[in-house]
Each structure stands twice: as C-alpha cells, then as structure tokens.
Amino acid sequence: MHDRIRARPPTTDVDDWTEAVVRAVTRGEAGVEVTVAPTDGDPVVVTVTDAIFDLFTGRLDREVDAPADVVGATVWFK
C-alpha cells in the first residue's frame, strides 16, 4: 500500500521515493485516491487522508481549486 505523497522533490531518503505524474484523483470512503504513473512502471494508487491531500495540494506550484486540478502534476510517492 502506498500512502505517502510529496509535491516537492525529497531531500532525504531520496532513493525511497518514486517520481510520477498524477493521472486521476477520486475521493472515497478510505480518503483520497491519487492515481500516479511513474516514468518506469505501471500506474499506482496512493491513498491519503483528506488532511494530507489538502497539505499536499497547498505545496504544489499551481492553483488547485478542485481535485482534478492536480492531474498532470509531477509528484513523489512511496
């Protein structure tokens, strides 16, 4: 299960994180599901709480008015 996502490149434990592009965002009972596509692999779903998603979107270098605004952003996950 993947449950950590970053809007900025990691500065510590860099090898533990995978760079990807957001392909979809959905809200479910378990929280927010962010589908990401790594450059060297199959799409992965990262599940985070609403609070973590809000923190994450606040750190993106773009305006986010709706979850769909995150699609296309480069992120790092583990």
PDB file of N, CA and C in Angstrom:
ATOM      1  N   MET A   1       0.848  -1.180   0.000  1.00  0.00           N
ATOM      2  CA  MET A   1       0.000   0.000   0.000  1.00  0.00           C
ATOM      3  C   MET A   1       0.889   1.237   0.000  1.00  0.00           C
ATOM      4  N   HIS A   2       0.544   2.176  -0.844  1.00  0.00           N
ATOM      5  CA  HIS A   2       1.275   3.437  -0.918  1.00  0.00           C
ATOM      6  C   HIS A   2       0.430   4.504  -0.227  1.00  0.00           C
ATOM      7  N   ASP A   3       1.041   5.237   0.702  1.00  0.00           N
ATOM      8  CA  ASP A   3       0.262   6.218   1.459  1.00  0.00           C
ATOM      9  C   ASP A   3       1.041   7.501   1.751  1.00  0.00           C
ATOM     10  N   ARG A   4       2.102   7.743   1.005  1.00  0.00           N
ATOM     11  CA  ARG A   4       2.883   8.960   1.195  1.00  0.00           C
ATOM     12  C   ARG A   4       3.055   9.630  -0.164  1.00  0.00           C
ATOM     13  N   ILE A   5       2.833  10.932  -0.198  1.00  0.00           N
ATOM     14  CA  ILE A   5       2.949  11.677  -1.452  1.00  0.00           C
ATOM     15  C   ILE A   5       3.543  13.045  -1.152  1.00  0.00           C
ATOM     16  N   ARG A   6       4.371  13.521  -2.062  1.00  0.00           N
ATOM     17  CA  ARG A   6       5.044  14.808  -1.905  1.00  0.00           C
ATOM     18  C   ARG A   6       4.823  15.652  -3.154  1.00  0.00           C
ATOM     19  N   ALA A   7       4.714  16.964  -2.952  1.00  0.00           N
ATOM     20  CA  ALA A   7       4.577  17.893  -4.066  1.00  0.00           C
ATOM     21  C   ALA A   7       5.927  18.431  -4.521  1.00  0.00           C
ATOM     22  N   ARG A   8       6.943  18.246  -3.688  1.00  0.00           N
ATOM     23  CA  ARG A   8       8.290  18.741  -3.999  1.00  0.00           C
ATOM     24  C   ARG A   8       9.278  17.590  -3.919  1.00  0.00           C
ATOM     25  N   PRO A   9      10.393  17.709  -4.628  1.00  0.00           N
ATOM     26  CA  PRO A   9      11.382  16.615  -4.586  1.00  0.00           C
ATOM     27  C   PRO A   9      11.858  16.351  -3.164  1.00  0.00           C
ATOM     28  N   PRO A  10      12.057  15.094  -2.818  1.00  0.00           N
ATOM     29  CA  PRO A  10      12.539  14.769  -1.474  1.00  0.00           C
ATOM     30  C   PRO A  10      13.986  15.224  -1.293  1.00  0.00           C
ATOM     31  N   THR A  11      14.329  15.567  -0.057  1.00  0.00           N
ATOM     32  CA  THR A  11      15.698  15.979   0.251  1.00  0.00           C
ATOM     33  C   THR A  11      16.412  14.947   1.107  1.00  0.00           C
ATOM     34  N   THR A  12      15.666  14.035   1.706  1.00  0.00           N
ATOM     35  CA  THR A  12      16.254  12.948   2.486  1.00  0.00           C
ATOM     36  C   THR A  12      15.663  11.628   2.003  1.00  0.00           C
ATOM     37  N   ASP A  13      16.393  10.561   2.180  1.00  0.00           N
ATOM     38  CA  ASP A  13      15.935   9.231   1.744  1.00  0.00           C
ATOM     39  C   ASP A  13      15.443   9.252   0.297  1.00  0.00           C
ATOM     40  N   VAL A  14      16.170   9.955  -0.543  1.00  0.00           N
ATOM     41  CA  VAL A  14      15.770  10.173  -1.935  1.00  0.00           C
ATOM     42  C   VAL A  14      15.475   8.864  -2.665  1.00  0.00           C
ATOM     43  N   ASP A  15      16.244   7.834  -2.400  1.00  0.00           N
ATOM     44  CA  ASP A  15      16.054   6.556  -3.098  1.00  0.00           C
ATOM     45  C   ASP A  15      14.776   5.830  -2.697  1.00  0.00           C
ATOM     46  N   ASP A  16      14.143   6.256  -1.611  1.00  0.00           N
ATOM     47  CA  ASP A  16      12.901   5.624  -1.155  1.00  0.00           C
ATOM     48  C   ASP A  16      11.674   6.146  -1.895  1.00  0.00           C
ATOM     49  N   TRP A  17      11.808   7.253  -2.604  1.00  0.00           N
ATOM     50  CA  TRP A  17      10.690   7.911  -3.273  1.00  0.00           C
ATOM     51  C   TRP A  17      10.727   7.631  -4.767  1.00  0.00           C
ATOM     52  N   THR A  18       9.546   7.580  -5.384  1.00  0.00           N
ATOM     53  CA  THR A  18       9.423   7.368  -6.825  1.00  0.00           C
ATOM     54  C   THR A  18       8.755   8.585  -7.445  1.00  0.00           C
ATOM     55  N   GLU A  19       9.360   9.115  -8.493  1.00  0.00           N
ATOM     56  CA  GLU A  19       8.776  10.252  -9.209  1.00  0.00           C
ATOM     57  C   GLU A  19       7.665   9.749 -10.125  1.00  0.00           C
ATOM     58  N   ALA A  20       6.587  10.525 -10.226  1.00  0.00           N
ATOM     59  CA  ALA A  20       5.451  10.125 -11.054  1.00  0.00           C
ATOM     60  C   ALA A  20       4.646  11.358 -11.457  1.00  0.00           C
ATOM     61  N   VAL A  21       3.675  11.134 -12.327  1.00  0.00           N
ATOM     62  CA  VAL A  21       2.755  12.182 -12.754  1.00  0.00           C
ATOM     63  C   VAL A  21       1.350  11.762 -12.340  1.00  0.00           C
ATOM     64  N   VAL A  22       0.588  12.696 -11.780  1.00  0.00           N
ATOM     65  CA  VAL A  22      -0.785  12.405 -11.355  1.00  0.00           C
ATOM     66  C   VAL A  22      -1.663  12.206 -12.583  1.00  0.00           C
ATOM     67  N   ARG A  23      -2.403  11.114 -12.598  1.00  0.00           N
ATOM     68  CA  ARG A  23      -3.309  10.792 -13.705  1.00  0.00           C
ATOM     69  C   ARG A  23      -4.779  10.964 -13.332  1.00  0.00           C
ATOM     70  N   ALA A  24      -5.121  10.762 -12.043  1.00  0.00           N
ATOM     71  CA  ALA A  24      -6.520  10.885 -11.613  1.00  0.00           C
ATOM     72  C   ALA A  24      -6.574  11.069 -10.104  1.00  0.00           C
ATOM     73  N   VAL A  25      -7.660  11.702  -9.650  1.00  0.00           N
ATOM     74  CA  VAL A  25      -7.903  11.883  -8.219  1.00  0.00           C
ATOM     75  C   VAL A  25      -9.369  11.574  -7.953  1.00  0.00           C
ATOM     76  N   THR A  26      -9.628  10.700  -6.970  1.00  0.00           N
ATOM     77  CA  THR A  26     -11.001  10.396  -6.570  1.00  0.00           C
ATOM     78  C   THR A  26     -11.088  10.402  -5.051  1.00  0.00           C
ATOM     79  N   ARG A  27     -12.236  10.806  -4.555  1.00  0.00           N
ATOM     80  CA  ARG A  27     -12.474  10.772  -3.109  1.00  0.00           C
ATOM     81  C   ARG A  27     -13.318   9.545  -2.802  1.00  0.00           C
ATOM     82  N   GLY A  28     -12.870   8.776  -1.814  1.00  0.00           N
ATOM     83  CA  GLY A  28     -13.587   7.571  -1.434  1.00  0.00           C
ATOM     84  C   GLY A  28     -13.756   7.495   0.068  1.00  0.00           C
ATOM     85  N   GLU A  29     -14.297   6.380   0.539  1.00  0.00           N
ATOM     86  CA  GLU A  29     -14.510   6.190   1.976  1.00  0.00           C
ATOM     87  C   GLU A  29     -13.195   6.134   2.743  1.00  0.00           C
ATOM     88  N   ALA A  30     -12.155   5.634   2.108  1.00  0.00           N
ATOM     89  CA  ALA A  30     -10.855   5.488   2.777  1.00  0.00           C
ATOM     90  C   ALA A  30     -10.017   6.758   2.702  1.00  0.00           C
ATOM     91  N   GLY A  31     -10.500   7.776   2.006  1.00  0.00           N
ATOM     92  CA  GLY A  31      -9.750   9.021   1.854  1.00  0.00           C
ATOM     93  C   GLY A  31      -9.686   9.420   0.395  1.00  0.00           C
ATOM     94  N   VAL A  32      -8.583  10.036   0.017  1.00  0.00           N
ATOM     95  CA  VAL A  32      -8.394  10.490  -1.352  1.00  0.00           C
ATOM     96  C   VAL A  32      -7.454   9.515  -2.057  1.00  0.00           C
ATOM     97  N   GLU A  33      -7.893   9.026  -3.211  1.00  0.00           N
ATOM     98  CA  GLU A  33      -7.076   8.110  -4.000  1.00  0.00           C
ATOM     99  C   GLU A  33      -6.466   8.885  -5.159  1.00  0.00           C
ATOM    100  N   VAL A  34      -5.141   8.953  -5.162  1.00  0.00           N
ATOM    101  CA  VAL A  34      -4.408   9.666  -6.199  1.00  0.00           C
ATOM    102  C   VAL A  34      -3.729   8.615  -7.079  1.00  0.00           C
ATOM    103  N   THR A  35      -4.152   8.514  -8.327  1.00  0.00           N
ATOM    104  CA  THR A  35      -3.527   7.575  -9.257  1.00  0.00           C
ATOM    105  C   THR A  35      -2.356   8.280  -9.913  1.00  0.00           C
ATOM    106  N   VAL A  36      -1.171   7.684  -9.751  1.00  0.00           N
ATOM    107  CA  VAL A  36       0.046   8.272 -10.298  1.00  0.00           C
ATOM    108  C   VAL A  36       0.692   7.291 -11.269  1.00  0.00           C
ATOM    109  N   ALA A  37       1.396   7.829 -12.258  1.00  0.00           N
ATOM    110  CA  ALA A  37       2.079   6.999 -13.250  1.00  0.00           C
ATOM    111  C   ALA A  37       3.576   7.280 -13.188  1.00  0.00           C
ATOM    112  N   PRO A  38       4.340   6.344 -12.611  1.00  0.00           N
ATOM    113  CA  PRO A  38       5.796   6.505 -12.608  1.00  0.00           C
ATOM    114  C   PRO A  38       6.337   6.435 -14.041  1.00  0.00           C
ATOM    115  N   THR A  39       7.486   7.050 -14.263  1.00  0.00           N
ATOM    116  CA  THR A  39       8.070   7.031 -15.606  1.00  0.00           C
ATOM    117  C   THR A  39       8.523   5.638 -16.005  1.00  0.00           C
ATOM    118  N   ASP A  40       8.772   4.776 -15.029  1.00  0.00           N
ATOM    119  CA  ASP A  40       9.302   3.447 -15.339  1.00  0.00           C
ATOM    120  C   ASP A  40       8.431   2.307 -14.815  1.00  0.00           C
ATOM    121  N   GLY A  41       7.115   2.516 -14.792  1.00  0.00           N
ATOM    122  CA  GLY A  41       6.273   1.443 -14.277  1.00  0.00           C
ATOM    123  C   GLY A  41       4.799   1.666 -14.531  1.00  0.00           C
ATOM    124  N   ASP A  42       4.007   0.755 -13.979  1.00  0.00           N
ATOM    125  CA  ASP A  42       2.559   0.814 -14.113  1.00  0.00           C
ATOM    126  C   ASP A  42       1.971   1.840 -13.152  1.00  0.00           C
ATOM    127  N   PRO A  43       0.766   2.350 -13.459  1.00  0.00           N
ATOM    128  CA  PRO A  43       0.110   3.287 -12.546  1.00  0.00           C
ATOM    129  C   PRO A  43      -0.089   2.677 -11.159  1.00  0.00           C
ATOM    130  N   VAL A  44      -0.042   3.537 -10.161  1.00  0.00           N
ATOM    131  CA  VAL A  44      -0.152   3.141  -8.759  1.00  0.00           C
ATOM    132  C   VAL A  44      -1.178   4.054  -8.102  1.00  0.00           C
ATOM    133  N   VAL A  45      -1.956   3.514  -7.159  1.00  0.00           N
ATOM    134  CA  VAL A  45      -2.900   4.327  -6.393  1.00  0.00           C
ATOM    135  C   VAL A  45      -2.287   4.623  -5.030  1.00  0.00           C
ATOM    136  N   VAL A  46      -2.196   5.916  -4.716  1.00  0.00           N
ATOM    137  CA  VAL A  46      -1.708   6.370  -3.418  1.00  0.00           C
ATOM    138  C   VAL A  46      -2.928   6.856  -2.647  1.00  0.00           C
ATOM    139  N   THR A  47      -3.204   6.269  -1.485  1.00  0.00           N
ATOM    140  CA  THR A  47      -4.369   6.640  -0.687  1.00  0.00           C
ATOM    141  C   THR A  47      -3.922   7.455   0.514  1.00  0.00           C
ATOM    142  N   VAL A  48      -4.483   8.672   0.636  1.00  0.00           N
ATOM    143  CA  VAL A  48      -4.140   9.564   1.745  1.00  0.00           C
ATOM    144  C   VAL A  48      -5.416  10.124   2.360  1.00  0.00           C
ATOM    145  N   THR A  49      -5.301  10.654   3.562  1.00  0.00           N
ATOM    146  CA  THR A  49      -6.450  11.286   4.211  1.00  0.00           C
ATOM    147  C   THR A  49      -6.753  12.618   3.533  1.00  0.00           C
ATOM    148  N   ASP A  50      -7.944  13.150   3.794  1.00  0.00           N
ATOM    149  CA  ASP A  50      -8.302  14.465   3.257  1.00  0.00           C
ATOM    150  C   ASP A  50      -7.321  15.531   3.734  1.00  0.00           C
ATOM    151  N   ALA A  51      -6.916  15.458   4.996  1.00  0.00           N
ATOM    152  CA  ALA A  51      -5.992  16.454   5.551  1.00  0.00           C
ATOM    153  C   ALA A  51      -4.635  16.404   4.849  1.00  0.00           C
ATOM    154  N   ILE A  52      -4.122  15.209   4.607  1.00  0.00           N
ATOM    155  CA  ILE A  52      -2.837  15.072   3.912  1.00  0.00           C
ATOM    156  C   ILE A  52      -2.968  15.553   2.470  1.00  0.00           C
ATOM    157  N   PHE A  53      -4.083  15.254   1.819  1.00  0.00           N
ATOM    158  CA  PHE A  53      -4.287  15.720   0.445  1.00  0.00           C
ATOM    159  C   PHE A  53      -4.307  17.244   0.399  1.00  0.00           C
ATOM    160  N   ASP A  54      -4.985  17.873   1.355  1.00  0.00           N
ATOM    161  CA  ASP A  54      -5.030  19.335   1.400  1.00  0.00           C
ATOM    162  C   ASP A  54      -3.639  19.923   1.624  1.00  0.00           C
ATOM    163  N   LEU A  55      -2.862  19.318   2.505  1.00  0.00           N
ATOM    164  CA  LEU A  55      -1.488  19.764   2.746  1.00  0.00           C
ATOM    165  C   LEU A  55      -0.660  19.610   1.466  1.00  0.00           C
ATOM    166  N   PHE A  56      -0.795  18.477   0.815  1.00  0.00           N
ATOM    167  CA  PHE A  56      -0.086  18.195  -0.434  1.00  0.00           C
ATOM    168  C   PHE A  56      -0.433  19.219  -1.514  1.00  0.00           C
ATOM    169  N   THR A  57      -1.719  19.484  -1.727  1.00  0.00           N
ATOM    170  CA  THR A  57      -2.110  20.416  -2.790  1.00  0.00           C
ATOM    171  C   THR A  57      -1.665  21.838  -2.482  1.00  0.00           C
ATOM    172  N   GLY A  58      -1.573  22.183  -1.213  1.00  0.00           N
ATOM    173  CA  GLY A  58      -1.087  23.508  -0.836  1.00  0.00           C
ATOM    174  C   GLY A  58       0.377  23.718  -1.159  1.00  0.00           C
ATOM    175  N   ARG A  59       1.107  22.643  -1.348  1.00  0.00           N
ATOM    176  CA  ARG A  59       2.540  22.732  -1.652  1.00  0.00           C
ATOM    177  C   ARG A  59       2.855  22.606  -3.143  1.00  0.00           C
ATOM    178  N   LEU A  60       1.833  22.358  -3.956  1.00  0.00           N
ATOM    179  CA  LEU A  60       2.062  22.279  -5.399  1.00  0.00           C
ATOM    180  C   LEU A  60       2.353  23.668  -5.949  1.00  0.00           C
ATOM    181  N   ASP A  61       3.070  23.721  -7.061  1.00  0.00           N
ATOM    182  CA  ASP A  61       3.391  25.006  -7.677  1.00  0.00           C
ATOM    183  C   ASP A  61       2.335  25.400  -8.711  1.00  0.00           C
ATOM    184  N   ARG A  62       1.068  25.173  -8.372  1.00  0.00           N
ATOM    185  CA  ARG A  62      -0.051  25.532  -9.239  1.00  0.00           C
ATOM    186  C   ARG A  62      -1.281  25.789  -8.380  1.00  0.00           C
ATOM    187  N   GLU A  63      -2.239  26.499  -8.943  1.00  0.00           N
ATOM    188  CA  GLU A  63      -3.505  26.744  -8.256  1.00  0.00           C
ATOM    189  C   GLU A  63      -4.336  25.466  -8.278  1.00  0.00           C
ATOM    190  N   VAL A  64      -4.903  25.116  -7.138  1.00  0.00           N
ATOM    191  CA  VAL A  64      -5.741  23.921  -7.045  1.00  0.00           C
ATOM    192  C   VAL A  64      -7.080  24.335  -6.443  1.00  0.00           C
ATOM    193  N   ASP A  65      -8.091  24.434  -7.312  1.00  0.00           N
ATOM    194  CA  ASP A  65      -9.434  24.774  -6.856  1.00  0.00           C
ATOM    195  C   ASP A  65     -10.304  23.531  -6.701  1.00  0.00           C
ATOM    196  N   ALA A  66      -9.925  22.464  -7.387  1.00  0.00           N
ATOM    197  CA  ALA A  66     -10.663  21.200  -7.334  1.00  0.00           C
ATOM    198  C   ALA A  66      -9.649  20.064  -7.459  1.00  0.00           C
ATOM    199  N   PRO A  67      -9.984  18.879  -6.961  1.00  0.00           N
ATOM    200  CA  PRO A  67      -9.044  17.756  -7.057  1.00  0.00           C
ATOM    201  C   PRO A  67      -8.533  17.504  -8.479  1.00  0.00           C
ATOM    202  N   ALA A  68      -9.361  17.725  -9.481  1.00  0.00           N
ATOM    203  CA  ALA A  68      -8.945  17.485 -10.869  1.00  0.00           C
ATOM    204  C   ALA A  68      -7.803  18.404 -11.297  1.00  0.00           C
ATOM    205  N   ASP A  69      -7.627  19.534 -10.614  1.00  0.00           N
ATOM    206  CA  ASP A  69      -6.545  20.464 -10.946  1.00  0.00           C
ATOM    207  C   ASP A  69      -5.164  19.875 -10.678  1.00  0.00           C
ATOM    208  N   VAL A  70      -5.103  18.783  -9.928  1.00  0.00           N
ATOM    209  CA  VAL A  70      -3.832  18.134  -9.598  1.00  0.00           C
ATOM    210  C   VAL A  70      -3.341  17.255 -10.752  1.00  0.00           C
ATOM    211  N   VAL A  71      -4.247  16.827 -11.622  1.00  0.00           N
ATOM    212  CA  VAL A  71      -3.888  15.943 -12.736  1.00  0.00           C
ATOM    213  C   VAL A  71      -2.818  16.612 -13.596  1.00  0.00           C
ATOM    214  N   GLY A  72      -1.757  15.851 -13.877  1.00  0.00           N
ATOM    215  CA  GLY A  72      -0.651  16.356 -14.678  1.00  0.00           C
ATOM    216  C   GLY A  72       0.529  16.843 -13.861  1.00  0.00           C
ATOM    217  N   ALA A  73       0.338  16.996 -12.550  1.00  0.00           N
ATOM    218  CA  ALA A  73       1.421  17.465 -11.683  1.00  0.00           C
ATOM    219  C   ALA A  73       2.457  16.366 -11.472  1.00  0.00           C
ATOM    220  N   THR A  74       3.718  16.764 -11.396  1.00  0.00           N
ATOM    221  CA  THR A  74       4.785  15.829 -11.042  1.00  0.00           C
ATOM    222  C   THR A  74       4.839  15.723  -9.530  1.00  0.00           C
ATOM    223  N   VAL A  75       4.874  14.487  -9.023  1.00  0.00           N
ATOM    224  CA  VAL A  75       4.871  14.230  -7.579  1.00  0.00           C
ATOM    225  C   VAL A  75       5.861  13.111  -7.261  1.00  0.00           C
ATOM    226  N   TRP A  76       6.057  12.878  -5.978  1.00  0.00           N
ATOM    227  CA  TRP A  76       6.892  11.774  -5.498  1.00  0.00           C
ATOM    228  C   TRP A  76       6.066  10.997  -4.491  1.00  0.00           C
ATOM    229  N   PHE A  77       6.148   9.662  -4.540  1.00  0.00           N
ATOM    230  CA  PHE A  77       5.330   8.847  -3.642  1.00  0.00           C
ATOM    231  C   PHE A  77       6.131   7.674  -3.108  1.00  0.00           C
ATOM    232  N   LYS A  78       5.625   7.103  -2.015  1.00  0.00           N
ATOM    233  CA  LYS A  78       6.139   5.831  -1.504  1.00  0.00           C
ATOM    234  C   LYS A  78       5.067   5.169  -0.682  1.00  0.00           C
TER     235      LYS A  78
END
